[in-house]
Structure formats: structure tokens, C-alpha cells
PDB file of N, CA and C in Angstrom:
ATOM      1  N   MET A   1     -35.279   6.024  -6.692  1.00  0.00           N
ATOM      2  CA  MET A   1     -33.887   5.871  -6.316  1.00  0.00           C
ATOM      3  C   MET A   1     -33.768   4.976  -5.087  1.00  0.00           C
ATOM      4  N   SER A   2     -34.614   5.182  -4.098  1.00  0.00           N
ATOM      5  CA  SER A   2     -34.539   4.403  -2.869  1.00  0.00           C
ATOM      6  C   SER A   2     -34.760   2.916  -3.147  1.00  0.00           C
ATOM      7  N   LYS A   3     -35.695   2.595  -4.029  1.00  0.00           N
ATOM      8  CA  LYS A   3     -35.967   1.197  -4.378  1.00  0.00           C
ATOM      9  C   LYS A   3     -34.748   0.567  -5.032  1.00  0.00           C
ATOM     10  N   LYS A   4     -34.096   1.314  -5.930  1.00  0.00           N
ATOM     11  CA  LYS A   4     -32.910   0.795  -6.612  1.00  0.00           C
ATOM     12  C   LYS A   4     -31.795   0.522  -5.598  1.00  0.00           C
ATOM     13  N   VAL A   5     -31.605   1.441  -4.670  1.00  0.00           N
ATOM     14  CA  VAL A   5     -30.579   1.261  -3.633  1.00  0.00           C
ATOM     15  C   VAL A   5     -30.913   0.044  -2.781  1.00  0.00           C
ATOM     16  N   ASP A   6     -32.170  -0.068  -2.367  1.00  0.00           N
ATOM     17  CA  ASP A   6     -32.580  -1.223  -1.564  1.00  0.00           C
ATOM     18  C   ASP A   6     -32.348  -2.534  -2.311  1.00  0.00           C
ATOM     19  N   ASP A   7     -32.673  -2.549  -3.607  1.00  0.00           N
ATOM     20  CA  ASP A   7     -32.467  -3.752  -4.419  1.00  0.00           C
ATOM     21  C   ASP A   7     -30.987  -4.117  -4.501  1.00  0.00           C
ATOM     22  N   LEU A   8     -30.131  -3.105  -4.695  1.00  0.00           N
ATOM     23  CA  LEU A   8     -28.691  -3.367  -4.761  1.00  0.00           C
ATOM     24  C   LEU A   8     -28.165  -3.908  -3.433  1.00  0.00           C
ATOM     25  N   LEU A   9     -28.597  -3.303  -2.340  1.00  0.00           N
ATOM     26  CA  LEU A   9     -28.150  -3.767  -1.022  1.00  0.00           C
ATOM     27  C   LEU A   9     -28.588  -5.205  -0.759  1.00  0.00           C
ATOM     28  N   ASP A  10     -29.797  -5.545  -1.215  1.00  0.00           N
ATOM     29  CA  ASP A  10     -30.282  -6.918  -1.038  1.00  0.00           C
ATOM     30  C   ASP A  10     -29.426  -7.926  -1.797  1.00  0.00           C
ATOM     31  N   GLN A  11     -28.835  -7.492  -2.909  1.00  0.00           N
ATOM     32  CA  GLN A  11     -28.011  -8.386  -3.728  1.00  0.00           C
ATOM     33  C   GLN A  11     -26.564  -8.481  -3.237  1.00  0.00           C
ATOM     34  N   MET A  12     -26.163  -7.565  -2.366  1.00  0.00           N
ATOM     35  CA  MET A  12     -24.774  -7.545  -1.894  1.00  0.00           C
ATOM     36  C   MET A  12     -24.554  -8.536  -0.764  1.00  0.00           C
ATOM     37  N   THR A  13     -23.355  -9.095  -0.752  1.00  0.00           N
ATOM     38  CA  THR A  13     -22.951  -9.924   0.381  1.00  0.00           C
ATOM     39  C   THR A  13     -22.659  -8.998   1.562  1.00  0.00           C
ATOM     40  N   LEU A  14     -22.577  -9.569   2.747  1.00  0.00           N
ATOM     41  CA  LEU A  14     -22.235  -8.764   3.924  1.00  0.00           C
ATOM     42  C   LEU A  14     -20.879  -8.098   3.731  1.00  0.00           C
ATOM     43  N   SER A  15     -19.927  -8.822   3.185  1.00  0.00           N
ATOM     44  CA  SER A  15     -18.589  -8.273   2.942  1.00  0.00           C
ATOM     45  C   SER A  15     -18.647  -7.069   1.998  1.00  0.00           C
ATOM     46  N   GLU A  16     -19.471  -7.163   0.963  1.00  0.00           N
ATOM     47  CA  GLU A  16     -19.605  -6.043   0.020  1.00  0.00           C
ATOM     48  C   GLU A  16     -20.255  -4.841   0.696  1.00  0.00           C
ATOM     49  N   GLN A  17     -21.233  -5.076   1.551  1.00  0.00           N
ATOM     50  CA  GLN A  17     -21.876  -3.974   2.270  1.00  0.00           C
ATOM     51  C   GLN A  17     -20.890  -3.292   3.212  1.00  0.00           C
ATOM     52  N   VAL A  18     -20.107  -4.090   3.922  1.00  0.00           N
ATOM     53  CA  VAL A  18     -19.122  -3.529   4.854  1.00  0.00           C
ATOM     54  C   VAL A  18     -18.075  -2.722   4.103  1.00  0.00           C
ATOM     55  N   SER A  19     -17.697  -3.174   2.908  1.00  0.00           N
ATOM     56  CA  SER A  19     -16.684  -2.445   2.132  1.00  0.00           C
ATOM     57  C   SER A  19     -17.156  -1.037   1.780  1.00  0.00           C
ATOM     58  N   LEU A  20     -18.473  -0.836   1.693  1.00  0.00           N
ATOM     59  CA  LEU A  20     -18.994   0.512   1.432  1.00  0.00           C
ATOM     60  C   LEU A  20     -18.754   1.437   2.622  1.00  0.00           C
ATOM     61  N   LEU A  21     -18.711   0.880   3.810  1.00  0.00           N
ATOM     62  CA  LEU A  21     -18.480   1.690   5.010  1.00  0.00           C
ATOM     63  C   LEU A  21     -17.019   2.083   5.159  1.00  0.00           C
ATOM     64  N   ALA A  22     -16.126   1.191   4.768  1.00  0.00           N
ATOM     65  CA  ALA A  22     -14.702   1.441   4.945  1.00  0.00           C
ATOM     66  C   ALA A  22     -14.118   2.253   3.798  1.00  0.00           C
ATOM     67  N   GLY A  23     -14.571   2.027   2.594  1.00  0.00           N
ATOM     68  CA  GLY A  23     -14.050   2.750   1.445  1.00  0.00           C
ATOM     69  C   GLY A  23     -12.777   2.144   0.889  1.00  0.00           C
ATOM     70  N   ARG A  24     -12.467   2.527  -0.332  1.00  0.00           N
ATOM     71  CA  ARG A  24     -11.242   2.067  -0.998  1.00  0.00           C
ATOM     72  C   ARG A  24     -10.041   2.828  -0.456  1.00  0.00           C
ATOM     73  N   ASN A  25     -10.242   4.114  -0.206  1.00  0.00           N
ATOM     74  CA  ASN A  25      -9.219   4.985   0.362  1.00  0.00           C
ATOM     75  C   ASN A  25      -9.952   6.108   1.080  1.00  0.00           C
ATOM     76  N   MET A  26      -9.259   7.160   1.396  1.00  0.00           N
ATOM     77  CA  MET A  26      -9.880   8.227   2.176  1.00  0.00           C
ATOM     78  C   MET A  26     -11.000   8.960   1.425  1.00  0.00           C
ATOM     79  N   TRP A  27     -10.984   8.941   0.103  1.00  0.00           N
ATOM     80  CA  TRP A  27     -11.914   9.775  -0.660  1.00  0.00           C
ATOM     81  C   TRP A  27     -12.844   9.017  -1.593  1.00  0.00           C
ATOM     82  N   ASN A  28     -12.719   7.698  -1.706  1.00  0.00           N
ATOM     83  CA  ASN A  28     -13.529   6.949  -2.660  1.00  0.00           C
ATOM     84  C   ASN A  28     -14.116   5.695  -2.031  1.00  0.00           C
ATOM     85  N   THR A  29     -15.340   5.372  -2.454  1.00  0.00           N
ATOM     86  CA  THR A  29     -15.931   4.112  -2.039  1.00  0.00           C
ATOM     87  C   THR A  29     -15.355   2.987  -2.894  1.00  0.00           C
ATOM     88  N   VAL A  30     -15.599   1.771  -2.481  1.00  0.00           N
ATOM     89  CA  VAL A  30     -15.144   0.603  -3.235  1.00  0.00           C
ATOM     90  C   VAL A  30     -16.158   0.320  -4.345  1.00  0.00           C
ATOM     91  N   PRO A  31     -15.706   0.219  -5.598  1.00  0.00           N
ATOM     92  CA  PRO A  31     -16.653  -0.135  -6.660  1.00  0.00           C
ATOM     93  C   PRO A  31     -17.081  -1.597  -6.514  1.00  0.00           C
ATOM     94  N   ASN A  32     -18.258  -1.902  -7.018  1.00  0.00           N
ATOM     95  CA  ASN A  32     -18.727  -3.286  -7.018  1.00  0.00           C
ATOM     96  C   ASN A  32     -18.965  -3.678  -8.471  1.00  0.00           C
ATOM     97  N   GLU A  33     -17.941  -4.267  -9.071  1.00  0.00           N
ATOM     98  CA  GLU A  33     -18.017  -4.620 -10.488  1.00  0.00           C
ATOM     99  C   GLU A  33     -19.098  -5.660 -10.751  1.00  0.00           C
ATOM    100  N   ARG A  34     -19.295  -6.569  -9.821  1.00  0.00           N
ATOM    101  CA  ARG A  34     -20.297  -7.623  -9.994  1.00  0.00           C
ATOM    102  C   ARG A  34     -21.691  -7.045 -10.214  1.00  0.00           C
ATOM    103  N   LEU A  35     -22.011  -5.961  -9.498  1.00  0.00           N
ATOM    104  CA  LEU A  35     -23.337  -5.349  -9.604  1.00  0.00           C
ATOM    105  C   LEU A  35     -23.332  -4.069 -10.435  1.00  0.00           C
ATOM    106  N   GLY A  36     -22.185  -3.708 -10.991  1.00  0.00           N
ATOM    107  CA  GLY A  36     -22.104  -2.512 -11.826  1.00  0.00           C
ATOM    108  C   GLY A  36     -22.163  -1.206 -11.053  1.00  0.00           C
ATOM    109  N   VAL A  37     -21.731  -1.217  -9.801  1.00  0.00           N
ATOM    110  CA  VAL A  37     -21.723  -0.003  -8.976  1.00  0.00           C
ATOM    111  C   VAL A  37     -20.329   0.609  -9.055  1.00  0.00           C
ATOM    112  N   GLU A  38     -20.252   1.812  -9.618  1.00  0.00           N
ATOM    113  CA  GLU A  38     -18.963   2.489  -9.748  1.00  0.00           C
ATOM    114  C   GLU A  38     -18.537   3.101  -8.420  1.00  0.00           C
ATOM    115  N   LYS A  39     -17.247   3.397  -8.300  1.00  0.00           N
ATOM    116  CA  LYS A  39     -16.766   4.077  -7.096  1.00  0.00           C
ATOM    117  C   LYS A  39     -17.379   5.471  -7.049  1.00  0.00           C
ATOM    118  N   MET A  40     -17.541   5.988  -5.839  1.00  0.00           N
ATOM    119  CA  MET A  40     -18.056   7.341  -5.649  1.00  0.00           C
ATOM    120  C   MET A  40     -17.045   8.136  -4.848  1.00  0.00           C
ATOM    121  N   ARG A  41     -16.861   9.395  -5.224  1.00  0.00           N
ATOM    122  CA  ARG A  41     -15.988  10.278  -4.460  1.00  0.00           C
ATOM    123  C   ARG A  41     -16.819  10.889  -3.343  1.00  0.00           C
ATOM    124  N   VAL A  42     -16.243  10.915  -2.156  1.00  0.00           N
ATOM    125  CA  VAL A  42     -16.921  11.486  -0.995  1.00  0.00           C
ATOM    126  C   VAL A  42     -16.036  12.558  -0.374  1.00  0.00           C
ATOM    127  N   SER A  43     -16.590  13.326   0.532  1.00  0.00           N
ATOM    128  CA  SER A  43     -15.809  14.337   1.231  1.00  0.00           C
ATOM    129  C   SER A  43     -16.321  14.454   2.652  1.00  0.00           C
ATOM    130  N   ASP A  44     -15.593  15.193   3.462  1.00  0.00           N
ATOM    131  CA  ASP A  44     -16.002  15.372   4.843  1.00  0.00           C
ATOM    132  C   ASP A  44     -16.922  16.580   4.950  1.00  0.00           C
ATOM    133  N   GLY A  45     -17.447  16.802   6.130  1.00  0.00           N
ATOM    134  CA  GLY A  45     -18.513  17.763   6.255  1.00  0.00           C
ATOM    135  C   GLY A  45     -18.242  19.077   6.937  1.00  0.00           C
ATOM    136  N   PRO A  46     -18.461  19.191   8.246  1.00  0.00           N
ATOM    137  CA  PRO A  46     -18.561  20.498   8.880  1.00  0.00           C
ATOM    138  C   PRO A  46     -17.298  21.349   8.839  1.00  0.00           C
ATOM    139  N   GLY A  47     -16.152  20.759   8.523  1.00  0.00           N
ATOM    140  CA  GLY A  47     -14.923  21.543   8.412  1.00  0.00           C
ATOM    141  C   GLY A  47     -14.733  22.103   7.014  1.00  0.00           C
ATOM    142  N   GLY A  48     -15.700  21.915   6.135  1.00  0.00           N
ATOM    143  CA  GLY A  48     -15.592  22.357   4.753  1.00  0.00           C
ATOM    144  C   GLY A  48     -15.361  21.171   3.835  1.00  0.00           C
ATOM    145  N   VAL A  49     -15.638  21.363   2.575  1.00  0.00           N
ATOM    146  CA  VAL A  49     -15.448  20.283   1.609  1.00  0.00           C
ATOM    147  C   VAL A  49     -14.014  20.310   1.124  1.00  0.00           C
ATOM    148  N   ARG A  50     -13.349  19.187   1.261  1.00  0.00           N
ATOM    149  CA  ARG A  50     -11.967  19.072   0.822  1.00  0.00           C
ATOM    150  C   ARG A  50     -11.895  18.002  -0.252  1.00  0.00           C
ATOM    151  N   GLY A  51     -10.699  17.674  -0.625  1.00  0.00           N
ATOM    152  CA  GLY A  51     -10.506  16.615  -1.599  1.00  0.00           C
ATOM    153  C   GLY A  51      -9.135  16.010  -1.433  1.00  0.00           C
ATOM    154  N   SER A  52      -8.781  15.149  -2.358  1.00  0.00           N
ATOM    155  CA  SER A  52      -7.493  14.477  -2.251  1.00  0.00           C
ATOM    156  C   SER A  52      -6.359  15.310  -2.824  1.00  0.00           C
ATOM    157  N   LYS A  53      -6.689  16.396  -3.493  1.00  0.00           N
ATOM    158  CA  LYS A  53      -5.665  17.265  -4.077  1.00  0.00           C
ATOM    159  C   LYS A  53      -6.053  18.713  -3.798  1.00  0.00           C
ATOM    160  N   PHE A  54      -5.091  19.500  -3.366  1.00  0.00           N
ATOM    161  CA  PHE A  54      -5.375  20.901  -3.050  1.00  0.00           C
ATOM    162  C   PHE A  54      -4.351  21.763  -3.757  1.00  0.00           C
ATOM    163  N   ASP A  55      -4.808  22.614  -4.660  1.00  0.00           N
ATOM    164  CA  ASP A  55      -3.906  23.461  -5.439  1.00  0.00           C
ATOM    165  C   ASP A  55      -3.951  24.926  -5.025  1.00  0.00           C
ATOM    166  N   GLY A  56      -4.757  25.257  -4.035  1.00  0.00           N
ATOM    167  CA  GLY A  56      -4.911  26.650  -3.646  1.00  0.00           C
ATOM    168  C   GLY A  56      -3.822  27.110  -2.699  1.00  0.00           C
ATOM    169  N   PRO A  57      -3.883  28.366  -2.297  1.00  0.00           N
ATOM    170  CA  PRO A  57      -2.884  28.890  -1.360  1.00  0.00           C
ATOM    171  C   PRO A  57      -3.075  28.265   0.022  1.00  0.00           C
ATOM    172  N   ALA A  58      -2.015  28.241   0.785  1.00  0.00           N
ATOM    173  CA  ALA A  58      -2.091  27.711   2.146  1.00  0.00           C
ATOM    174  C   ALA A  58      -2.982  28.608   2.997  1.00  0.00           C
ATOM    175  N   SER A  59      -3.648  28.025   3.948  1.00  0.00           N
ATOM    176  CA  SER A  59      -4.505  28.801   4.836  1.00  0.00           C
ATOM    177  C   SER A  59      -4.563  28.119   6.198  1.00  0.00           C
ATOM    178  N   MET A  60      -5.132  28.830   7.154  1.00  0.00           N
ATOM    179  CA  MET A  60      -5.278  28.296   8.496  1.00  0.00           C
ATOM    180  C   MET A  60      -6.645  27.638   8.597  1.00  0.00           C
ATOM    181  N   ASN A  61      -6.725  26.594   9.386  1.00  0.00           N
ATOM    182  CA  ASN A  61      -7.993  25.913   9.585  1.00  0.00           C
ATOM    183  C   ASN A  61      -8.167  25.649  11.072  1.00  0.00           C
ATOM    184  N   VAL A  62      -9.339  25.937  11.577  1.00  0.00           N
ATOM    185  CA  VAL A  62      -9.666  25.625  12.970  1.00  0.00           C
ATOM    186  C   VAL A  62     -10.859  24.673  12.954  1.00  0.00           C
ATOM    187  N   PRO A  63     -11.075  23.933  14.017  1.00  0.00           N
ATOM    188  CA  PRO A  63     -12.228  23.031  14.054  1.00  0.00           C
ATOM    189  C   PRO A  63     -13.538  23.789  13.829  1.00  0.00           C
ATOM    190  N   CYS A  64     -14.528  23.094  13.317  1.00  0.00           N
ATOM    191  CA  CYS A  64     -15.829  23.720  13.073  1.00  0.00           C
ATOM    192  C   CYS A  64     -16.469  24.117  14.404  1.00  0.00           C
ATOM    193  N   GLY A  65     -17.428  25.003  14.323  1.00  0.00           N
ATOM    194  CA  GLY A  65     -18.092  25.507  15.517  1.00  0.00           C
ATOM    195  C   GLY A  65     -18.707  24.420  16.381  1.00  0.00           C
ATOM    196  N   THR A  66     -19.265  23.402  15.749  1.00  0.00           N
ATOM    197  CA  THR A  66     -19.872  22.303  16.499  1.00  0.00           C
ATOM    198  C   THR A  66     -18.833  21.582  17.348  1.00  0.00           C
ATOM    199  N   ALA A  67     -17.665  21.331  16.771  1.00  0.00           N
ATOM    200  CA  ALA A  67     -16.604  20.645  17.514  1.00  0.00           C
ATOM    201  C   ALA A  67     -16.083  21.515  18.654  1.00  0.00           C
ATOM    202  N   ILE A  68     -15.932  22.798  18.390  1.00  0.00           N
ATOM    203  CA  ILE A  68     -15.452  23.706  19.439  1.00  0.00           C
ATOM    204  C   ILE A  68     -16.472  23.786  20.571  1.00  0.00           C
ATOM    205  N   ALA A  69     -17.753  23.909  20.218  1.00  0.00           N
ATOM    206  CA  ALA A  69     -18.802  23.997  21.236  1.00  0.00           C
ATOM    207  C   ALA A  69     -18.871  22.729  22.080  1.00  0.00           C
ATOM    208  N   ALA A  70     -18.595  21.586  21.475  1.00  0.00           N
ATOM    209  CA  ALA A  70     -18.678  20.316  22.199  1.00  0.00           C
ATOM    210  C   ALA A  70     -17.640  20.207  23.310  1.00  0.00           C
ATOM    211  N   THR A  71     -16.625  21.063  23.293  1.00  0.00           N
ATOM    212  CA  THR A  71     -15.615  21.030  24.360  1.00  0.00           C
ATOM    213  C   THR A  71     -16.114  21.702  25.634  1.00  0.00           C
ATOM    214  N   TRP A  72     -17.116  22.555  25.534  1.00  0.00           N
ATOM    215  CA  TRP A  72     -17.627  23.341  26.654  1.00  0.00           C
ATOM    216  C   TRP A  72     -16.525  24.197  27.275  1.00  0.00           C
ATOM    217  N   ASP A  73     -15.519  24.522  26.501  1.00  0.00           N
ATOM    218  CA  ASP A  73     -14.369  25.289  26.982  1.00  0.00           C
ATOM    219  C   ASP A  73     -14.509  26.731  26.492  1.00  0.00           C
ATOM    220  N   LEU A  74     -15.026  27.596  27.353  1.00  0.00           N
ATOM    221  CA  LEU A  74     -15.283  28.982  26.952  1.00  0.00           C
ATOM    222  C   LEU A  74     -14.007  29.723  26.583  1.00  0.00           C
ATOM    223  N   GLU A  75     -12.918  29.401  27.244  1.00  0.00           N
ATOM    224  CA  GLU A  75     -11.643  30.051  26.916  1.00  0.00           C
ATOM    225  C   GLU A  75     -11.189  29.647  25.513  1.00  0.00           C
ATOM    226  N   LEU A  76     -11.384  28.400  25.154  1.00  0.00           N
ATOM    227  CA  LEU A  76     -11.053  27.943  23.800  1.00  0.00           C
ATOM    228  C   LEU A  76     -11.911  28.673  22.768  1.00  0.00           C
ATOM    229  N   VAL A  77     -13.198  28.780  23.044  1.00  0.00           N
ATOM    230  CA  VAL A  77     -14.101  29.489  22.128  1.00  0.00           C
ATOM    231  C   VAL A  77     -13.647  30.935  21.963  1.00  0.00           C
ATOM    232  N   ARG A  78     -13.294  31.570  23.063  1.00  0.00           N
ATOM    233  CA  ARG A  78     -12.824  32.956  23.025  1.00  0.00           C
ATOM    234  C   ARG A  78     -11.534  33.060  22.205  1.00  0.00           C
ATOM    235  N   SER A  79     -10.617  32.126  22.403  1.00  0.00           N
ATOM    236  CA  SER A  79      -9.342  32.139  21.667  1.00  0.00           C
ATOM    237  C   SER A  79      -9.557  31.997  20.167  1.00  0.00           C
ATOM    238  N   VAL A  80     -10.441  31.098  19.790  1.00  0.00           N
ATOM    239  CA  VAL A  80     -10.723  30.917  18.360  1.00  0.00           C
ATOM    240  C   VAL A  80     -11.365  32.179  17.795  1.00  0.00           C
ATOM    241  N   GLY A  81     -12.266  32.770  18.552  1.00  0.00           N
ATOM    242  CA  GLY A  81     -12.893  34.015  18.102  1.00  0.00           C
ATOM    243  C   GLY A  81     -11.875  35.121  17.897  1.00  0.00           C
ATOM    244  N   GLU A  82     -10.926  35.245  18.799  1.00  0.00           N
ATOM    245  CA  GLU A  82      -9.876  36.261  18.651  1.00  0.00           C
ATOM    246  C   GLU A  82      -8.975  35.950  17.460  1.00  0.00           C
ATOM    247  N   LEU A  83      -8.695  34.684  17.257  1.00  0.00           N
ATOM    248  CA  LEU A  83      -7.857  34.267  16.138  1.00  0.00           C
ATOM    249  C   LEU A  83      -8.506  34.631  14.805  1.00  0.00           C
ATOM    250  N   LEU A  84      -9.800  34.392  14.720  1.00  0.00           N
ATOM    251  CA  LEU A  84     -10.512  34.696  13.476  1.00  0.00           C
ATOM    252  C   LEU A  84     -10.683  36.186  13.290  1.00  0.00           C
TER     253      LEU A  84
END
């Protein structure tokens, strides 16, 4: 797999490589028809996996533990703990 990816990247122009970083929209990469690379759906990480459509019940969301810890704000950590 790694060799195939390396080969594809070698064939891409700089503009095509950069388009992979920016994406087509918030949830999909840009397809590369010239090289036969289809779009890929992506999602975000530590806050949970989401998508472009949500059909479930409404819920509360707080930043992930890593983001909260990065504030070094013990009162904030305590508040989130009480909230949960």
C-alpha cells in the first residue's frame, strides 16, 4: 500500500497534492480523475466521529479531555467534571 501511495504522489502535480490537504469540502477529499483516485470521506478525531449528516437526538458536547487539559485551567476542568 505504501508503495502505491508513494507512486501516486510522485505522479501528482504540486497543486494536486495541496488539494488533498484542503479537501473538496469539510468531509471529503478532492478526487483525482486523472490518476483514478476517488474522493474519500474523512472525519475529525478526539471529539468523536461525526459526519455531514446527523439524524440522532440532540446532545451536549464539551471539548475532549486533551483540549481541556491544554488550558491548564483547573477550574474549567472541575466545571466540566461537574457538568458530566
